Amino acid sequence: MEVLQKLQIFHIINAQGSEGENFFERDKRFTYLRYGISENMYTSPFDTPEQVVAFFEPAHSFLDKALGEGKNVMVHCLAGAHRAGTTGVSYMMKEGRMRYADAVRVAKQQRPAVDPISTLKDSLHKLEWAYEKLGHLNGGTDEAKSDLPPT
């Protein structure tokens, strides 16, 4: 609590999903988003660019709103490497109109523990594909390499 107060962090994304505790949820100063990135990945459709972007939308909207109001946001999971790292990298891709490799490189410069792995990494490659299809990348076009999402 002391650290969160010192850093003025009252907006928190819990990327652990249903398994993680929101320690200060009863404290009205805090606003939480429970974003089960790993859990929801297996039940969400990932076939079209719009579906891939929609998968990340809850976290991105939460970040947009809080950051737009000048608030600080903490994204956490168990270790702050895989699920939280993937969520942060996805937002960097959105806001910076960045490709996966560039966003991960920049994220690792700030927090070396960031390490999207396995299906989390796959989801970011699909997000890059989706942004490419939608013309959302810097220097991007509406014509992506493939009409099919990466597997």
N, C-alpha and C. Protein backbone atom coordinates (compact mmCIF):
# COMPACT_ATOMS: atom_id res chain seq x y z
N MET A 1 0.83 -1.19 0.00
CA MET A 1 0.00 0.00 0.00
C MET A 1 0.87 1.25 0.00
N GLU A 2 1.92 1.22 0.81
CA GLU A 2 2.80 2.39 0.91
C GLU A 2 3.43 2.74 -0.44
N VAL A 3 3.89 1.75 -1.14
CA VAL A 3 4.52 1.97 -2.45
C VAL A 3 3.49 2.48 -3.46
N LEU A 4 2.33 1.86 -3.48
CA LEU A 4 1.28 2.30 -4.42
C LEU A 4 0.88 3.74 -4.15
N GLN A 5 0.73 4.10 -2.90
CA GLN A 5 0.38 5.47 -2.56
C GLN A 5 1.49 6.43 -2.97
N LYS A 6 2.73 6.06 -2.69
CA LYS A 6 3.87 6.92 -3.02
C LYS A 6 3.93 7.18 -4.53
N LEU A 7 3.65 6.14 -5.31
CA LEU A 7 3.69 6.25 -6.78
C LEU A 7 2.36 6.70 -7.39
N GLN A 8 1.38 6.96 -6.53
CA GLN A 8 0.06 7.40 -6.98
C GLN A 8 -0.55 6.40 -7.98
N ILE A 9 -0.46 5.12 -7.62
CA ILE A 9 -1.05 4.06 -8.45
C ILE A 9 -2.33 3.59 -7.78
N PHE A 10 -3.45 3.92 -8.41
CA PHE A 10 -4.75 3.50 -7.90
C PHE A 10 -5.58 2.79 -8.98
N HIS A 11 -4.98 2.59 -10.14
CA HIS A 11 -5.60 1.84 -11.23
C HIS A 11 -4.72 0.62 -11.49
N ILE A 12 -5.32 -0.56 -11.39
CA ILE A 12 -4.54 -1.79 -11.46
C ILE A 12 -5.23 -2.79 -12.40
N ILE A 13 -4.43 -3.33 -13.32
CA ILE A 13 -4.89 -4.44 -14.14
C ILE A 13 -4.29 -5.71 -13.56
N ASN A 14 -5.15 -6.61 -13.14
CA ASN A 14 -4.72 -7.90 -12.61
C ASN A 14 -4.78 -8.89 -13.77
N ALA A 15 -3.63 -9.16 -14.38
CA ALA A 15 -3.57 -10.04 -15.56
C ALA A 15 -3.56 -11.51 -15.18
N GLN A 16 -3.68 -11.82 -13.89
CA GLN A 16 -3.74 -13.21 -13.46
C GLN A 16 -5.11 -13.82 -13.71
N GLY A 17 -6.10 -12.99 -13.91
CA GLY A 17 -7.45 -13.52 -14.09
C GLY A 17 -8.06 -13.94 -12.78
N SER A 18 -8.79 -15.02 -12.81
CA SER A 18 -9.56 -15.44 -11.63
C SER A 18 -8.68 -15.95 -10.49
N GLU A 19 -7.43 -16.31 -10.77
CA GLU A 19 -6.57 -16.87 -9.72
C GLU A 19 -5.91 -15.81 -8.85
N GLY A 20 -5.84 -14.58 -9.29
CA GLY A 20 -5.12 -13.55 -8.55
C GLY A 20 -6.02 -12.74 -7.65
N GLU A 21 -5.49 -12.41 -6.49
CA GLU A 21 -6.25 -11.61 -5.53
C GLU A 21 -6.07 -10.12 -5.81
N ASN A 22 -7.16 -9.38 -5.73
CA ASN A 22 -7.12 -7.92 -5.79
C ASN A 22 -7.05 -7.42 -4.34
N PHE A 23 -5.84 -7.19 -3.87
CA PHE A 23 -5.62 -6.95 -2.45
C PHE A 23 -6.37 -5.76 -1.89
N PHE A 24 -6.53 -4.71 -2.68
CA PHE A 24 -7.16 -3.50 -2.17
C PHE A 24 -8.50 -3.21 -2.83
N GLU A 25 -9.15 -4.25 -3.26
CA GLU A 25 -10.41 -4.10 -3.99
C GLU A 25 -11.49 -3.41 -3.17
N ARG A 26 -11.46 -3.58 -1.89
CA ARG A 26 -12.49 -2.95 -1.03
C ARG A 26 -12.20 -1.48 -0.75
N ASP A 27 -11.00 -1.06 -1.05
CA ASP A 27 -10.60 0.34 -0.87
C ASP A 27 -11.11 1.13 -2.08
N LYS A 28 -12.00 2.05 -1.86
CA LYS A 28 -12.67 2.79 -2.94
C LYS A 28 -11.73 3.67 -3.76
N ARG A 29 -10.51 3.86 -3.29
CA ARG A 29 -9.53 4.64 -4.06
C ARG A 29 -9.02 3.87 -5.27
N PHE A 30 -9.14 2.54 -5.23
CA PHE A 30 -8.58 1.70 -6.27
C PHE A 30 -9.64 1.28 -7.30
N THR A 31 -9.19 1.26 -8.54
CA THR A 31 -10.02 0.75 -9.63
C THR A 31 -9.26 -0.41 -10.25
N TYR A 32 -9.91 -1.56 -10.31
CA TYR A 32 -9.28 -2.77 -10.82
C TYR A 32 -9.93 -3.22 -12.12
N LEU A 33 -9.12 -3.85 -12.94
CA LEU A 33 -9.63 -4.62 -14.07
C LEU A 33 -9.03 -6.01 -13.93
N ARG A 34 -9.87 -6.99 -13.82
CA ARG A 34 -9.42 -8.38 -13.80
C ARG A 34 -9.39 -8.83 -15.25
N TYR A 35 -8.19 -8.99 -15.79
CA TYR A 35 -8.00 -9.32 -17.20
C TYR A 35 -7.28 -10.65 -17.31
N GLY A 36 -8.04 -11.72 -17.45
CA GLY A 36 -7.49 -13.07 -17.51
C GLY A 36 -6.97 -13.38 -18.90
N ILE A 37 -5.86 -12.76 -19.26
CA ILE A 37 -5.33 -12.88 -20.61
C ILE A 37 -5.09 -14.34 -20.98
N SER A 38 -4.50 -15.12 -20.11
CA SER A 38 -4.23 -16.54 -20.43
C SER A 38 -5.50 -17.36 -20.45
N GLU A 39 -6.38 -17.14 -19.50
CA GLU A 39 -7.63 -17.90 -19.43
C GLU A 39 -8.52 -17.64 -20.64
N ASN A 40 -8.66 -16.37 -20.99
CA ASN A 40 -9.60 -15.99 -22.04
C ASN A 40 -9.09 -16.31 -23.44
N MET A 41 -7.80 -16.50 -23.58
CA MET A 41 -7.21 -16.76 -24.87
C MET A 41 -7.76 -18.04 -25.50
N TYR A 42 -8.10 -18.99 -24.66
CA TYR A 42 -8.56 -20.29 -25.16
C TYR A 42 -10.04 -20.31 -25.50
N THR A 43 -10.77 -19.29 -25.07
CA THR A 43 -12.21 -19.26 -25.34
C THR A 43 -12.60 -18.13 -26.29
N SER A 44 -11.68 -17.26 -26.61
CA SER A 44 -11.99 -16.12 -27.48
C SER A 44 -11.64 -16.46 -28.93
N PRO A 45 -12.49 -16.03 -29.86
CA PRO A 45 -12.14 -16.26 -31.27
C PRO A 45 -10.97 -15.38 -31.69
N PHE A 46 -10.09 -15.92 -32.50
CA PHE A 46 -8.88 -15.23 -32.93
C PHE A 46 -8.71 -15.37 -34.44
N ASP A 47 -9.81 -15.35 -35.18
CA ASP A 47 -9.75 -15.64 -36.62
C ASP A 47 -9.70 -14.42 -37.52
N THR A 48 -10.21 -13.30 -37.04
CA THR A 48 -10.23 -12.09 -37.86
C THR A 48 -9.45 -10.99 -37.14
N PRO A 49 -8.99 -10.00 -37.89
CA PRO A 49 -8.30 -8.89 -37.23
C PRO A 49 -9.16 -8.24 -36.15
N GLU A 50 -10.43 -8.09 -36.42
CA GLU A 50 -11.34 -7.45 -35.46
C GLU A 50 -11.45 -8.28 -34.18
N GLN A 51 -11.48 -9.60 -34.30
CA GLN A 51 -11.57 -10.46 -33.12
C GLN A 51 -10.30 -10.38 -32.28
N VAL A 52 -9.16 -10.32 -32.93
CA VAL A 52 -7.89 -10.23 -32.21
C VAL A 52 -7.82 -8.90 -31.45
N VAL A 53 -8.15 -7.81 -32.12
CA VAL A 53 -8.13 -6.50 -31.48
C VAL A 53 -9.14 -6.46 -30.33
N ALA A 54 -10.31 -7.06 -30.52
CA ALA A 54 -11.34 -7.08 -29.47
C ALA A 54 -10.87 -7.84 -28.24
N PHE A 55 -10.05 -8.87 -28.43
CA PHE A 55 -9.53 -9.64 -27.30
C PHE A 55 -8.74 -8.75 -26.34
N PHE A 56 -7.97 -7.83 -26.88
CA PHE A 56 -7.14 -6.94 -26.06
C PHE A 56 -7.89 -5.69 -25.60
N GLU A 57 -9.07 -5.46 -26.13
CA GLU A 57 -9.81 -4.22 -25.89
C GLU A 57 -10.08 -3.91 -24.41
N PRO A 58 -10.47 -4.88 -23.58
CA PRO A 58 -10.72 -4.51 -22.17
C PRO A 58 -9.52 -3.86 -21.50
N ALA A 59 -8.35 -4.43 -21.69
CA ALA A 59 -7.14 -3.85 -21.08
C ALA A 59 -6.80 -2.52 -21.74
N HIS A 60 -6.89 -2.47 -23.05
CA HIS A 60 -6.54 -1.23 -23.76
C HIS A 60 -7.48 -0.09 -23.39
N SER A 61 -8.76 -0.38 -23.27
CA SER A 61 -9.72 0.67 -22.88
C SER A 61 -9.45 1.16 -21.46
N PHE A 62 -9.17 0.23 -20.55
CA PHE A 62 -8.86 0.59 -19.17
C PHE A 62 -7.64 1.50 -19.14
N LEU A 63 -6.60 1.13 -19.87
CA LEU A 63 -5.39 1.95 -19.93
C LEU A 63 -5.66 3.30 -20.58
N ASP A 64 -6.39 3.31 -21.69
CA ASP A 64 -6.73 4.57 -22.37
C ASP A 64 -7.42 5.54 -21.41
N LYS A 65 -8.41 5.04 -20.69
CA LYS A 65 -9.19 5.90 -19.80
C LYS A 65 -8.31 6.45 -18.67
N ALA A 66 -7.62 5.56 -17.97
CA ALA A 66 -6.82 5.99 -16.83
C ALA A 66 -5.68 6.92 -17.26
N LEU A 67 -4.94 6.52 -18.28
CA LEU A 67 -3.82 7.35 -18.74
C LEU A 67 -4.31 8.66 -19.32
N GLY A 68 -5.47 8.62 -19.97
CA GLY A 68 -6.06 9.84 -20.51
C GLY A 68 -6.45 10.84 -19.43
N GLU A 69 -6.70 10.33 -18.24
CA GLU A 69 -7.02 11.18 -17.09
C GLU A 69 -5.76 11.53 -16.29
N GLY A 70 -4.59 11.14 -16.81
CA GLY A 70 -3.33 11.44 -16.13
C GLY A 70 -3.03 10.54 -14.95
N LYS A 71 -3.69 9.40 -14.88
CA LYS A 71 -3.50 8.46 -13.77
C LYS A 71 -2.38 7.47 -14.09
N ASN A 72 -1.77 6.94 -13.06
CA ASN A 72 -0.78 5.88 -13.20
C ASN A 72 -1.50 4.54 -13.14
N VAL A 73 -0.98 3.56 -13.88
CA VAL A 73 -1.59 2.24 -13.91
C VAL A 73 -0.51 1.19 -13.68
N MET A 74 -0.82 0.21 -12.86
CA MET A 74 0.06 -0.94 -12.70
C MET A 74 -0.62 -2.14 -13.34
N VAL A 75 0.14 -2.86 -14.16
CA VAL A 75 -0.33 -4.12 -14.73
C VAL A 75 0.50 -5.20 -14.07
N HIS A 76 -0.19 -6.15 -13.42
CA HIS A 76 0.58 -7.18 -12.72
C HIS A 76 0.03 -8.57 -12.99
N CYS A 77 0.90 -9.54 -12.79
CA CYS A 77 0.54 -10.94 -12.76
C CYS A 77 1.36 -11.54 -11.62
N LEU A 78 1.69 -12.78 -11.68
CA LEU A 78 2.46 -13.37 -10.58
C LEU A 78 3.88 -12.83 -10.54
N ALA A 79 4.56 -12.80 -11.69
CA ALA A 79 5.96 -12.37 -11.72
C ALA A 79 6.18 -11.08 -12.50
N GLY A 80 5.15 -10.61 -13.19
CA GLY A 80 5.31 -9.39 -13.98
C GLY A 80 6.09 -9.60 -15.25
N ALA A 81 6.17 -10.82 -15.72
CA ALA A 81 6.97 -11.13 -16.90
C ALA A 81 6.13 -11.57 -18.09
N HIS A 82 5.28 -12.55 -17.88
CA HIS A 82 4.58 -13.17 -19.00
C HIS A 82 3.23 -12.51 -19.29
N ARG A 83 2.28 -12.67 -18.39
CA ARG A 83 0.93 -12.14 -18.63
C ARG A 83 0.90 -10.61 -18.58
N ALA A 84 1.49 -10.02 -17.55
CA ALA A 84 1.54 -8.56 -17.46
C ALA A 84 2.40 -7.99 -18.57
N GLY A 85 3.52 -8.66 -18.84
CA GLY A 85 4.40 -8.21 -19.92
C GLY A 85 3.70 -8.22 -21.26
N THR A 86 2.96 -9.28 -21.53
CA THR A 86 2.21 -9.38 -22.79
C THR A 86 1.16 -8.27 -22.88
N THR A 87 0.47 -8.01 -21.79
CA THR A 87 -0.54 -6.96 -21.78
C THR A 87 0.10 -5.60 -22.05
N GLY A 88 1.22 -5.33 -21.40
CA GLY A 88 1.93 -4.06 -21.62
C GLY A 88 2.45 -3.93 -23.04
N VAL A 89 3.03 -5.00 -23.57
CA VAL A 89 3.55 -4.97 -24.93
C VAL A 89 2.40 -4.75 -25.92
N SER A 90 1.26 -5.38 -25.68
CA SER A 90 0.12 -5.19 -26.59
C SER A 90 -0.31 -3.73 -26.63
N TYR A 91 -0.27 -3.07 -25.48
CA TYR A 91 -0.66 -1.66 -25.44
C TYR A 91 0.38 -0.78 -26.14
N MET A 92 1.65 -1.14 -25.98
CA MET A 92 2.69 -0.40 -26.70
C MET A 92 2.51 -0.55 -28.21
N MET A 93 2.13 -1.74 -28.63
CA MET A 93 1.89 -1.97 -30.06
C MET A 93 0.74 -1.09 -30.54
N LYS A 94 -0.30 -1.00 -29.73
CA LYS A 94 -1.47 -0.19 -30.10
C LYS A 94 -1.12 1.29 -30.14
N GLU A 95 -0.62 1.79 -29.04
CA GLU A 95 -0.39 3.23 -28.93
C GLU A 95 0.78 3.72 -29.77
N GLY A 96 1.83 2.91 -29.85
CA GLY A 96 3.01 3.30 -30.62
C GLY A 96 2.95 2.87 -32.07
N ARG A 97 1.86 2.16 -32.41
CA ARG A 97 1.71 1.63 -33.77
C ARG A 97 2.97 0.83 -34.14
N MET A 98 3.38 0.01 -33.17
CA MET A 98 4.65 -0.71 -33.25
C MET A 98 4.44 -2.17 -33.63
N ARG A 99 5.45 -2.72 -34.24
CA ARG A 99 5.49 -4.16 -34.49
C ARG A 99 5.90 -4.86 -33.20
N TYR A 100 5.61 -6.15 -33.15
CA TYR A 100 5.89 -6.96 -31.96
C TYR A 100 7.35 -6.82 -31.51
N ALA A 101 8.29 -7.08 -32.40
CA ALA A 101 9.71 -7.09 -32.02
C ALA A 101 10.15 -5.75 -31.45
N ASP A 102 9.68 -4.65 -32.03
CA ASP A 102 10.05 -3.33 -31.54
C ASP A 102 9.45 -3.06 -30.16
N ALA A 103 8.20 -3.44 -29.98
CA ALA A 103 7.54 -3.21 -28.69
C ALA A 103 8.20 -4.04 -27.58
N VAL A 104 8.54 -5.28 -27.86
CA VAL A 104 9.20 -6.11 -26.86
C VAL A 104 10.57 -5.54 -26.51
N ARG A 105 11.30 -5.11 -27.49
CA ARG A 105 12.64 -4.54 -27.25
C ARG A 105 12.54 -3.32 -26.34
N VAL A 106 11.62 -2.43 -26.63
CA VAL A 106 11.45 -1.22 -25.81
C VAL A 106 10.98 -1.59 -24.40
N ALA A 107 10.05 -2.53 -24.31
CA ALA A 107 9.55 -2.95 -22.99
C ALA A 107 10.68 -3.54 -22.16
N LYS A 108 11.52 -4.37 -22.76
CA LYS A 108 12.63 -5.00 -22.04
C LYS A 108 13.66 -3.96 -21.58
N GLN A 109 13.77 -2.86 -22.30
CA GLN A 109 14.68 -1.80 -21.86
C GLN A 109 14.20 -1.20 -20.54
N GLN A 110 12.89 -1.15 -20.36
CA GLN A 110 12.31 -0.60 -19.14
C GLN A 110 12.19 -1.64 -18.03
N ARG A 111 11.86 -2.87 -18.43
CA ARG A 111 11.69 -3.97 -17.47
C ARG A 111 12.21 -5.25 -18.12
N PRO A 112 13.46 -5.59 -17.86
CA PRO A 112 14.08 -6.75 -18.50
C PRO A 112 13.33 -8.07 -18.30
N ALA A 113 12.51 -8.17 -17.26
CA ALA A 113 11.78 -9.41 -16.99
C ALA A 113 10.66 -9.67 -18.00
N VAL A 114 10.24 -8.66 -18.74
CA VAL A 114 9.15 -8.85 -19.71
C VAL A 114 9.52 -9.97 -20.66
N ASP A 115 8.62 -10.97 -20.76
CA ASP A 115 8.93 -12.16 -21.55
C ASP A 115 7.65 -12.85 -22.01
N PRO A 116 7.01 -12.32 -23.07
CA PRO A 116 5.85 -13.04 -23.60
C PRO A 116 6.29 -14.41 -24.11
N ILE A 117 5.66 -15.46 -23.61
CA ILE A 117 6.05 -16.82 -23.98
C ILE A 117 4.86 -17.58 -24.55
N SER A 118 5.15 -18.61 -25.26
CA SER A 118 4.17 -19.60 -25.71
C SER A 118 2.97 -18.94 -26.39
N THR A 119 1.78 -19.26 -25.90
CA THR A 119 0.56 -18.72 -26.52
C THR A 119 0.44 -17.22 -26.33
N LEU A 120 1.06 -16.67 -25.29
CA LEU A 120 1.05 -15.23 -25.10
C LEU A 120 1.81 -14.54 -26.23
N LYS A 121 2.97 -15.08 -26.54
CA LYS A 121 3.76 -14.56 -27.66
C LYS A 121 2.97 -14.70 -28.97
N ASP A 122 2.33 -15.86 -29.14
CA ASP A 122 1.50 -16.09 -30.33
C ASP A 122 0.40 -15.03 -30.45
N SER A 123 -0.20 -14.66 -29.31
CA SER A 123 -1.27 -13.67 -29.35
C SER A 123 -0.75 -12.31 -29.82
N LEU A 124 0.48 -11.99 -29.46
CA LEU A 124 1.07 -10.72 -29.91
C LEU A 124 1.42 -10.76 -31.39
N HIS A 125 1.82 -11.90 -31.89
CA HIS A 125 2.04 -12.04 -33.33
C HIS A 125 0.73 -11.90 -34.08
N LYS A 126 -0.35 -12.43 -33.50
CA LYS A 126 -1.67 -12.26 -34.12
C LYS A 126 -2.11 -10.81 -34.06
N LEU A 127 -1.76 -10.12 -32.97
CA LEU A 127 -2.10 -8.70 -32.88
C LEU A 127 -1.34 -7.91 -33.94
N GLU A 128 -0.09 -8.23 -34.14
CA GLU A 128 0.68 -7.56 -35.20
C GLU A 128 0.02 -7.82 -36.56
N TRP A 129 -0.35 -9.07 -36.80
CA TRP A 129 -1.05 -9.41 -38.04
C TRP A 129 -2.33 -8.59 -38.19
N ALA A 130 -3.11 -8.50 -37.10
CA ALA A 130 -4.37 -7.76 -37.13
C ALA A 130 -4.13 -6.29 -37.42
N TYR A 131 -3.15 -5.69 -36.73
CA TYR A 131 -2.85 -4.28 -36.98
C TYR A 131 -2.32 -4.06 -38.39
N GLU A 132 -1.58 -5.02 -38.88
CA GLU A 132 -1.09 -4.93 -40.25
C GLU A 132 -2.28 -4.94 -41.23
N LYS A 133 -3.20 -5.86 -41.02
CA LYS A 133 -4.40 -5.95 -41.88
C LYS A 133 -5.23 -4.67 -41.81
N LEU A 134 -5.28 -4.06 -40.63
CA LEU A 134 -6.11 -2.87 -40.42
C LEU A 134 -5.37 -1.57 -40.73
N GLY A 135 -4.11 -1.69 -41.17
CA GLY A 135 -3.33 -0.49 -41.49
C GLY A 135 -2.98 0.34 -40.28
N HIS A 136 -2.80 -0.30 -39.14
CA HIS A 136 -2.58 0.42 -37.88
C HIS A 136 -1.11 0.53 -37.49
N LEU A 137 -0.21 -0.06 -38.24
CA LEU A 137 1.21 0.00 -37.89
C LEU A 137 1.87 1.21 -38.54
N ASN A 138 2.90 1.76 -37.90
CA ASN A 138 3.67 2.83 -38.54
C ASN A 138 4.20 2.31 -39.86
N GLY A 139 3.90 3.03 -40.91
CA GLY A 139 4.32 2.58 -42.23
C GLY A 139 3.52 1.40 -42.72
N GLY A 140 2.46 1.05 -41.97
CA GLY A 140 1.65 -0.11 -42.34
C GLY A 140 0.75 0.18 -43.52
N THR A 141 0.31 -0.89 -44.12
CA THR A 141 -0.62 -0.77 -45.23
C THR A 141 -1.85 -1.58 -44.89
N ASP A 142 -2.85 -1.44 -45.71
CA ASP A 142 -4.05 -2.26 -45.51
C ASP A 142 -3.86 -3.67 -46.02
N GLU A 143 -2.73 -3.93 -46.63
CA GLU A 143 -2.50 -5.24 -47.21
C GLU A 143 -1.47 -6.02 -46.39
N ALA A 144 -1.93 -6.95 -45.59
CA ALA A 144 -1.03 -7.78 -44.78
C ALA A 144 -0.46 -8.90 -45.62
N LYS A 145 0.57 -9.54 -45.07
CA LYS A 145 1.22 -10.64 -45.76
C LYS A 145 0.27 -11.79 -46.03
N SER A 146 -0.65 -12.05 -45.12
CA SER A 146 -1.55 -13.18 -45.27
C SER A 146 -2.93 -12.80 -44.77
N ASP A 147 -3.92 -13.40 -45.38
CA ASP A 147 -5.28 -13.19 -44.90
C ASP A 147 -5.57 -14.02 -43.67
N LEU A 148 -4.74 -15.02 -43.40
CA LEU A 148 -4.95 -15.90 -42.26
C LEU A 148 -4.07 -15.47 -41.09
N PRO A 149 -4.61 -15.56 -39.88
CA PRO A 149 -3.80 -15.18 -38.72
C PRO A 149 -2.66 -16.16 -38.54
N PRO A 150 -1.54 -15.71 -37.95
CA PRO A 150 -0.44 -16.63 -37.67
C PRO A 150 -0.89 -17.72 -36.71
N THR A 151 -0.31 -18.88 -36.83
CA THR A 151 -0.68 -19.99 -35.93
C THR A 151 0.38 -20.19 -34.89
